[in-house]
């Protein structure tokens, strides 16, 4: 996988590999392993606000700002947690919903700091998006899929709801896909970085790990 970039790179080119596992870094025999620290509260809040508020401006909703900062503290400086929860709460202006996230017992789950944020983000998905995203659990870990093929699979399962006659089913599915993408449930594959080419998408890695834990404890996913 890493040989291909070197065939077109200049002498002295380097590759940066990111991973959550120290074992991967060890196997890669890296020259230097740089352990990234957690985000500061200010940076974590900025990331959360960018995804939770229109234009990232929390000042328009002071009643949500303090609750949001409480949620950010529970994200413990993890970028994915702040990003997914911010996306989940975007356009959700009811105080009680924000308080539900802040006070949820899900934060007390042991062993994995990112798991509570993922579960809460999933719980805030509309039912039609939950069905579409849950369907993706049939894919193996790190499986790359094409957006158009995934939409056709959703269509075949009857997951797409055509409320507006002017939209084709493909357009409805396209909207579902980008709703999930904006909430960080999907990500572009490393091998296909152009967002203008809709091949090489995959499920966000942390969600794939969550599914694996859910399959071993099926009742926990609801």
C-alpha atoms as a PDB file:
ATOM      1  CA  UNK A   1       0.000   0.000   0.000  1.00  0.00           C
ATOM      2  CA  UNK A   2       2.812   2.413   0.859  1.00  0.00           C
ATOM      3  CA  UNK A   3       4.968   1.560  -2.157  1.00  0.00           C
ATOM      4  CA  UNK A   4       2.697   3.297  -4.683  1.00  0.00           C
ATOM      5  CA  UNK A   5       3.206   6.876  -3.395  1.00  0.00           C
ATOM      6  CA  UNK A   6       6.977   6.429  -3.516  1.00  0.00           C
ATOM      7  CA  UNK A   7       6.848   5.552  -7.217  1.00  0.00           C
ATOM      8  CA  UNK A   8       5.717   9.106  -8.012  1.00  0.00           C
ATOM      9  CA  UNK A   9       7.345  11.019  -5.147  1.00  0.00           C
ATOM     10  CA  UNK A  10      10.602  12.923  -5.213  1.00  0.00           C
ATOM     11  CA  UNK A  11      13.757  11.815  -3.453  1.00  0.00           C
ATOM     12  CA  UNK A  12      13.453  12.452   0.247  1.00  0.00           C
ATOM     13  CA  UNK A  13       9.667  12.089   0.273  1.00  0.00           C
ATOM     14  CA  UNK A  14       8.125  10.912   3.533  1.00  0.00           C
ATOM     15  CA  UNK A  15       4.807   9.339   4.466  1.00  0.00           C
ATOM     16  CA  UNK A  16       2.941  10.165   7.660  1.00  0.00           C
ATOM     17  CA  UNK A  17       0.832   7.291   8.977  1.00  0.00           C
ATOM     18  CA  UNK A  18      -1.850   8.005  11.576  1.00  0.00           C
ATOM     19  CA  UNK A  19      -3.238   5.312  13.846  1.00  0.00           C
ATOM     20  CA  UNK A  20      -4.918   4.826  17.214  1.00  0.00           C
ATOM     21  CA  UNK A  21      -2.771   1.760  17.883  1.00  0.00           C
ATOM     22  CA  UNK A  22       0.811   1.764  19.157  1.00  0.00           C
ATOM     23  CA  UNK A  23       1.166  -1.732  17.690  1.00  0.00           C
ATOM     24  CA  UNK A  24       0.634  -0.392  14.172  1.00  0.00           C
ATOM     25  CA  UNK A  25       3.322   2.231  14.693  1.00  0.00           C
ATOM     26  CA  UNK A  26       5.688  -0.449  15.962  1.00  0.00           C
ATOM     27  CA  UNK A  27       5.045  -2.739  12.984  1.00  0.00           C
ATOM     28  CA  UNK A  28       5.646   0.185  10.607  1.00  0.00           C
ATOM     29  CA  UNK A  29       9.089   0.624  12.219  1.00  0.00           C
ATOM     30  CA  UNK A  30       8.630   4.364  12.193  1.00  0.00           C
ATOM     31  CA  UNK A  31      11.627   6.636  12.479  1.00  0.00           C
ATOM     32  CA  UNK A  32       9.728   8.672  15.026  1.00  0.00           C
ATOM     33  CA  UNK A  33       6.414   8.093  16.789  1.00  0.00           C
ATOM     34  CA  UNK A  34       4.653  11.306  17.718  1.00  0.00           C
ATOM     35  CA  UNK A  35       1.867  10.854  20.249  1.00  0.00           C
ATOM     36  CA  UNK A  36      -0.842  13.446  19.739  1.00  0.00           C
ATOM     37  CA  UNK A  37      -2.256  14.960  22.890  1.00  0.00           C
ATOM     38  CA  UNK A  38      -5.873  15.818  23.502  1.00  0.00           C
ATOM     39  CA  UNK A  39      -7.278  19.128  22.324  1.00  0.00           C
ATOM     40  CA  UNK A  40      -7.359  22.005  24.750  1.00  0.00           C
ATOM     41  CA  UNK A  41     -10.808  22.972  26.003  1.00  0.00           C
ATOM     42  CA  UNK A  42     -10.769  26.081  23.822  1.00  0.00           C
ATOM     43  CA  UNK A  43      -9.893  24.133  20.665  1.00  0.00           C
ATOM     44  CA  UNK A  44     -12.381  21.392  21.481  1.00  0.00           C
ATOM     45  CA  UNK A  45     -15.131  23.978  22.035  1.00  0.00           C
ATOM     46  CA  UNK A  46     -14.259  25.706  18.778  1.00  0.00           C
ATOM     47  CA  UNK A  47     -14.535  22.399  16.888  1.00  0.00           C
ATOM     48  CA  UNK A  48     -17.826  21.530  18.572  1.00  0.00           C
ATOM     49  CA  UNK A  49     -19.311  24.974  17.905  1.00  0.00           C
ATOM     50  CA  UNK A  50     -18.252  24.823  14.254  1.00  0.00           C
ATOM     51  CA  UNK A  51     -20.426  21.747  13.763  1.00  0.00           C
ATOM     52  CA  UNK A  52     -23.234  22.533  16.218  1.00  0.00           C
ATOM     53  CA  UNK A  53     -24.083  26.140  15.305  1.00  0.00           C
ATOM     54  CA  UNK A  54     -24.725  27.873  12.022  1.00  0.00           C
ATOM     55  CA  UNK A  55     -21.461  29.486  10.919  1.00  0.00           C
ATOM     56  CA  UNK A  56     -19.986  28.263  14.219  1.00  0.00           C
ATOM     57  CA  UNK A  57     -21.572  31.226  16.031  1.00  0.00           C
ATOM     58  CA  UNK A  58     -22.800  30.154  19.480  1.00  0.00           C
ATOM     59  CA  UNK A  59     -23.565  33.727  20.583  1.00  0.00           C
ATOM     60  CA  UNK A  60     -26.939  33.552  18.830  1.00  0.00           C
ATOM     61  CA  UNK A  61     -28.027  30.851  21.262  1.00  0.00           C
ATOM     62  CA  UNK A  62     -26.736  31.814  24.729  1.00  0.00           C
ATOM     63  CA  UNK A  63     -29.160  29.369  26.368  1.00  0.00           C
ATOM     64  CA  UNK A  64     -27.321  26.518  24.628  1.00  0.00           C
ATOM     65  CA  UNK A  65     -23.787  27.844  24.976  1.00  0.00           C
ATOM     66  CA  UNK A  66     -23.212  26.898  28.609  1.00  0.00           C
ATOM     67  CA  UNK A  67     -24.800  23.489  28.126  1.00  0.00           C
ATOM     68  CA  UNK A  68     -22.596  22.977  25.084  1.00  0.00           C
ATOM     69  CA  UNK A  69     -19.476  23.811  27.061  1.00  0.00           C
ATOM     70  CA  UNK A  70     -20.498  21.218  29.626  1.00  0.00           C
ATOM     71  CA  UNK A  71     -20.826  18.650  26.843  1.00  0.00           C
ATOM     72  CA  UNK A  72     -17.406  19.609  25.486  1.00  0.00           C
ATOM     73  CA  UNK A  73     -15.810  18.988  28.889  1.00  0.00           C
ATOM     74  CA  UNK A  74     -17.141  15.444  28.733  1.00  0.00           C
ATOM     75  CA  UNK A  75     -15.578  14.983  25.294  1.00  0.00           C
ATOM     76  CA  UNK A  76     -12.203  15.035  27.092  1.00  0.00           C
ATOM     77  CA  UNK A  77     -10.391  16.737  24.246  1.00  0.00           C
ATOM     78  CA  UNK A  78     -11.236  14.042  21.672  1.00  0.00           C
ATOM     79  CA  UNK A  79     -11.798  15.659  18.247  1.00  0.00           C
ATOM     80  CA  UNK A  80     -14.119  12.944  16.919  1.00  0.00           C
ATOM     81  CA  UNK A  81     -16.331  13.166  19.999  1.00  0.00           C
ATOM     82  CA  UNK A  82     -16.673  16.943  19.659  1.00  0.00           C
ATOM     83  CA  UNK A  83     -17.254  16.744  15.915  1.00  0.00           C
ATOM     84  CA  UNK A  84     -19.870  13.981  15.956  1.00  0.00           C
ATOM     85  CA  UNK A  85     -21.844  15.443  18.845  1.00  0.00           C
ATOM     86  CA  UNK A  86     -21.714  18.904  17.320  1.00  0.00           C
ATOM     87  CA  UNK A  87     -23.056  17.502  14.061  1.00  0.00           C
ATOM     88  CA  UNK A  88     -25.756  15.564  15.910  1.00  0.00           C
ATOM     89  CA  UNK A  89     -26.988  18.700  17.678  1.00  0.00           C
ATOM     90  CA  UNK A  90     -26.829  20.955  14.621  1.00  0.00           C
ATOM     91  CA  UNK A  91     -30.204  22.649  14.049  1.00  0.00           C
ATOM     92  CA  UNK A  92     -31.449  21.132  17.330  1.00  0.00           C
ATOM     93  CA  UNK A  93     -32.402  24.227  19.331  1.00  0.00           C
ATOM     94  CA  UNK A  94     -34.392  22.649  22.159  1.00  0.00           C
ATOM     95  CA  UNK A  95     -32.683  23.089  25.513  1.00  0.00           C
ATOM     96  CA  UNK A  96     -34.047  19.793  26.838  1.00  0.00           C
ATOM     97  CA  UNK A  97     -32.309  17.854  24.063  1.00  0.00           C
ATOM     98  CA  UNK A  98     -28.961  19.455  24.837  1.00  0.00           C
ATOM     99  CA  UNK A  99     -29.501  18.787  28.542  1.00  0.00           C
ATOM    100  CA  UNK A 100     -30.295  15.168  27.703  1.00  0.00           C
ATOM    101  CA  UNK A 101     -26.861  14.800  26.101  1.00  0.00           C
ATOM    102  CA  UNK A 102     -25.125  16.590  28.965  1.00  0.00           C
ATOM    103  CA  UNK A 103     -26.779  14.523  31.691  1.00  0.00           C
ATOM    104  CA  UNK A 104     -26.937  11.180  29.900  1.00  0.00           C
ATOM    105  CA  UNK A 105     -25.776   8.123  31.840  1.00  0.00           C
ATOM    106  CA  UNK A 106     -24.067   7.023  28.627  1.00  0.00           C
ATOM    107  CA  UNK A 107     -21.077   9.135  29.663  1.00  0.00           C
ATOM    108  CA  UNK A 108     -20.458   6.650  32.484  1.00  0.00           C
ATOM    109  CA  UNK A 109     -19.728   3.746  30.126  1.00  0.00           C
ATOM    110  CA  UNK A 110     -16.372   2.158  31.026  1.00  0.00           C
ATOM    111  CA  UNK A 111     -13.288   1.333  28.968  1.00  0.00           C
ATOM    112  CA  UNK A 112     -13.640   3.598  25.924  1.00  0.00           C
ATOM    113  CA  UNK A 113     -13.684   7.403  26.080  1.00  0.00           C
ATOM    114  CA  UNK A 114     -15.074   7.821  22.555  1.00  0.00           C
ATOM    115  CA  UNK A 115     -17.925   5.300  22.887  1.00  0.00           C
ATOM    116  CA  UNK A 116     -20.396   7.541  24.774  1.00  0.00           C
ATOM    117  CA  UNK A 117     -20.150  10.284  22.138  1.00  0.00           C
ATOM    118  CA  UNK A 118     -20.719   7.776  19.328  1.00  0.00           C
ATOM    119  CA  UNK A 119     -23.771   6.256  20.975  1.00  0.00           C
ATOM    120  CA  UNK A 120     -25.274   9.652  21.723  1.00  0.00           C
ATOM    121  CA  UNK A 121     -24.627  10.829  18.166  1.00  0.00           C
ATOM    122  CA  UNK A 122     -26.354   7.749  16.783  1.00  0.00           C
ATOM    123  CA  UNK A 123     -29.319   8.195  19.118  1.00  0.00           C
ATOM    124  CA  UNK A 124     -29.927  11.674  17.678  1.00  0.00           C
ATOM    125  CA  UNK A 125     -30.188  10.439  14.099  1.00  0.00           C
ATOM    126  CA  UNK A 126     -33.679  10.536  12.566  1.00  0.00           C
ATOM    127  CA  UNK A 127     -35.134   7.039  12.191  1.00  0.00           C
ATOM    128  CA  UNK A 128     -34.624   6.963   8.417  1.00  0.00           C
ATOM    129  CA  UNK A 129     -30.915   7.760   8.802  1.00  0.00           C
ATOM    130  CA  UNK A 130     -30.532   5.203  11.584  1.00  0.00           C
ATOM    131  CA  UNK A 131     -31.822   2.494   9.254  1.00  0.00           C
ATOM    132  CA  UNK A 132     -29.514   3.540   6.449  1.00  0.00           C
ATOM    133  CA  UNK A 133     -26.440   3.745   8.656  1.00  0.00           C
ATOM    134  CA  UNK A 134     -27.194   0.523  10.537  1.00  0.00           C
ATOM    135  CA  UNK A 135     -27.379  -1.238   7.166  1.00  0.00           C
ATOM    136  CA  UNK A 136     -23.709  -0.398   6.616  1.00  0.00           C
ATOM    137  CA  UNK A 137     -22.777  -2.715   9.493  1.00  0.00           C
ATOM    138  CA  UNK A 138     -22.937  -5.573   6.957  1.00  0.00           C
ATOM    139  CA  UNK A 139     -19.697  -4.272   5.442  1.00  0.00           C
ATOM    140  CA  UNK A 140     -16.395  -5.695   6.719  1.00  0.00           C
ATOM    141  CA  UNK A 141     -14.102  -3.357   8.634  1.00  0.00           C
ATOM    142  CA  UNK A 142     -12.325  -0.863   6.334  1.00  0.00           C
ATOM    143  CA  UNK A 143     -14.541  -1.891   3.408  1.00  0.00           C
ATOM    144  CA  UNK A 144     -14.586   0.748   0.670  1.00  0.00           C
ATOM    145  CA  UNK A 145     -17.872   1.384  -1.100  1.00  0.00           C
ATOM    146  CA  UNK A 146     -19.184   3.642  -3.831  1.00  0.00           C
ATOM    147  CA  UNK A 147     -21.846   6.145  -2.873  1.00  0.00           C
ATOM    148  CA  UNK A 148     -24.036   5.282  -5.847  1.00  0.00           C
ATOM    149  CA  UNK A 149     -23.928   1.544  -5.069  1.00  0.00           C
ATOM    150  CA  UNK A 150     -24.799   2.161  -1.419  1.00  0.00           C
ATOM    151  CA  UNK A 151     -27.786   4.299  -2.447  1.00  0.00           C
ATOM    152  CA  UNK A 152     -29.010   1.521  -4.758  1.00  0.00           C
ATOM    153  CA  UNK A 153     -28.764  -0.938  -1.862  1.00  0.00           C
ATOM    154  CA  UNK A 154     -30.789   1.434   0.336  1.00  0.00           C
ATOM    155  CA  UNK A 155     -33.367   1.683  -2.438  1.00  0.00           C
ATOM    156  CA  UNK A 156     -33.599  -2.105  -2.730  1.00  0.00           C
ATOM    157  CA  UNK A 157     -34.232  -2.371   1.016  1.00  0.00           C
ATOM    158  CA  UNK A 158     -36.986   0.258   0.872  1.00  0.00           C
ATOM    159  CA  UNK A 159     -35.144   2.664   3.192  1.00  0.00           C
ATOM    160  CA  UNK A 160     -35.637   5.809   1.106  1.00  0.00           C
ATOM    161  CA  UNK A 161     -38.684   7.982   1.739  1.00  0.00           C
ATOM    162  CA  UNK A 162     -39.790  10.045  -1.233  1.00  0.00           C
ATOM    163  CA  UNK A 163     -41.684  12.959   0.321  1.00  0.00           C
ATOM    164  CA  UNK A 164     -41.123  15.368  -2.549  1.00  0.00           C
ATOM    165  CA  UNK A 165     -42.350  14.268  -5.970  1.00  0.00           C
ATOM    166  CA  UNK A 166     -39.771  16.468  -7.668  1.00  0.00           C
ATOM    167  CA  UNK A 167     -36.893  14.401  -6.282  1.00  0.00           C
ATOM    168  CA  UNK A 168     -35.847  11.065  -7.712  1.00  0.00           C
ATOM    169  CA  UNK A 169     -35.071   8.210  -5.330  1.00  0.00           C
ATOM    170  CA  UNK A 170     -31.400   8.629  -6.196  1.00  0.00           C
ATOM    171  CA  UNK A 171     -31.564  12.283  -5.145  1.00  0.00           C
ATOM    172  CA  UNK A 172     -33.258  11.338  -1.878  1.00  0.00           C
ATOM    173  CA  UNK A 173     -30.533   8.778  -1.206  1.00  0.00           C
ATOM    174  CA  UNK A 174     -27.881  11.346  -2.067  1.00  0.00           C
ATOM    175  CA  UNK A 175     -29.340  13.641   0.578  1.00  0.00           C
ATOM    176  CA  UNK A 176     -29.305  10.850   3.158  1.00  0.00           C
ATOM    177  CA  UNK A 177     -25.676  10.082   2.371  1.00  0.00           C
ATOM    178  CA  UNK A 178     -24.489  13.654   2.784  1.00  0.00           C
ATOM    179  CA  UNK A 179     -26.539  14.065   5.972  1.00  0.00           C
ATOM    180  CA  UNK A 180     -24.590  11.151   7.441  1.00  0.00           C
ATOM    181  CA  UNK A 181     -21.320  12.467   6.034  1.00  0.00           C
ATOM    182  CA  UNK A 182     -21.873  15.887   7.622  1.00  0.00           C
ATOM    183  CA  UNK A 183     -22.338  14.129  10.969  1.00  0.00           C
ATOM    184  CA  UNK A 184     -18.996  12.297  10.533  1.00  0.00           C
ATOM    185  CA  UNK A 185     -20.501   8.825  10.148  1.00  0.00           C
ATOM    186  CA  UNK A 186     -18.703   8.352   6.821  1.00  0.00           C
ATOM    187  CA  UNK A 187     -15.236   9.356   5.721  1.00  0.00           C
ATOM    188  CA  UNK A 188     -13.285   9.394   2.492  1.00  0.00           C
ATOM    189  CA  UNK A 189     -10.927   6.491   1.999  1.00  0.00           C
ATOM    190  CA  UNK A 190      -7.228   7.311   2.154  1.00  0.00           C
ATOM    191  CA  UNK A 191      -6.831   5.833  -1.314  1.00  0.00           C
ATOM    192  CA  UNK A 192      -9.443   8.169  -2.841  1.00  0.00           C
ATOM    193  CA  UNK A 193      -9.017  11.653  -1.412  1.00  0.00           C
ATOM    194  CA  UNK A 194     -10.943  13.663  -3.988  1.00  0.00           C
ATOM    195  CA  UNK A 195     -14.383  14.657  -2.748  1.00  0.00           C
ATOM    196  CA  UNK A 196     -15.407  15.109  -6.372  1.00  0.00           C
ATOM    197  CA  UNK A 197     -15.049  11.376  -6.962  1.00  0.00           C
ATOM    198  CA  UNK A 198     -17.651   9.322  -5.117  1.00  0.00           C
ATOM    199  CA  UNK A 199     -15.678   6.095  -4.910  1.00  0.00           C
ATOM    200  CA  UNK A 200     -13.736   4.881  -1.926  1.00  0.00           C
ATOM    201  CA  UNK A 201     -15.967   5.862   0.991  1.00  0.00           C
ATOM    202  CA  UNK A 202     -15.995   3.945   4.237  1.00  0.00           C
ATOM    203  CA  UNK A 203     -17.578   4.018   7.670  1.00  0.00           C
ATOM    204  CA  UNK A 204     -15.722   6.146  10.208  1.00  0.00           C
ATOM    205  CA  UNK A 205     -13.312   3.772  11.948  1.00  0.00           C
ATOM    206  CA  UNK A 206     -14.515   4.472  15.474  1.00  0.00           C
ATOM    207  CA  UNK A 207     -18.099   3.625  14.512  1.00  0.00           C
ATOM    208  CA  UNK A 208     -16.889   0.356  13.000  1.00  0.00           C
ATOM    209  CA  UNK A 209     -15.266  -0.515  16.345  1.00  0.00           C
ATOM    210  CA  UNK A 210     -18.517   0.372  18.094  1.00  0.00           C
ATOM    211  CA  UNK A 211     -20.481  -1.963  15.820  1.00  0.00           C
ATOM    212  CA  UNK A 212     -18.076  -4.770  16.641  1.00  0.00           C
ATOM    213  CA  UNK A 213     -18.713  -4.294  20.349  1.00  0.00           C
ATOM    214  CA  UNK A 214     -22.457  -4.113  19.674  1.00  0.00           C
ATOM    215  CA  UNK A 215     -22.444  -7.394  17.785  1.00  0.00           C
ATOM    216  CA  UNK A 216     -20.926  -9.088  20.809  1.00  0.00           C
ATOM    217  CA  UNK A 217     -23.590  -7.504  23.023  1.00  0.00           C
ATOM    218  CA  UNK A 218     -26.491  -7.181  20.566  1.00  0.00           C
ATOM    219  CA  UNK A 219     -29.084  -6.113  23.108  1.00  0.00           C
ATOM    220  CA  UNK A 220     -27.067  -3.019  24.028  1.00  0.00           C
ATOM    221  CA  UNK A 221     -27.595  -1.362  20.630  1.00  0.00           C
ATOM    222  CA  UNK A 222     -31.358  -1.293  20.857  1.00  0.00           C
END
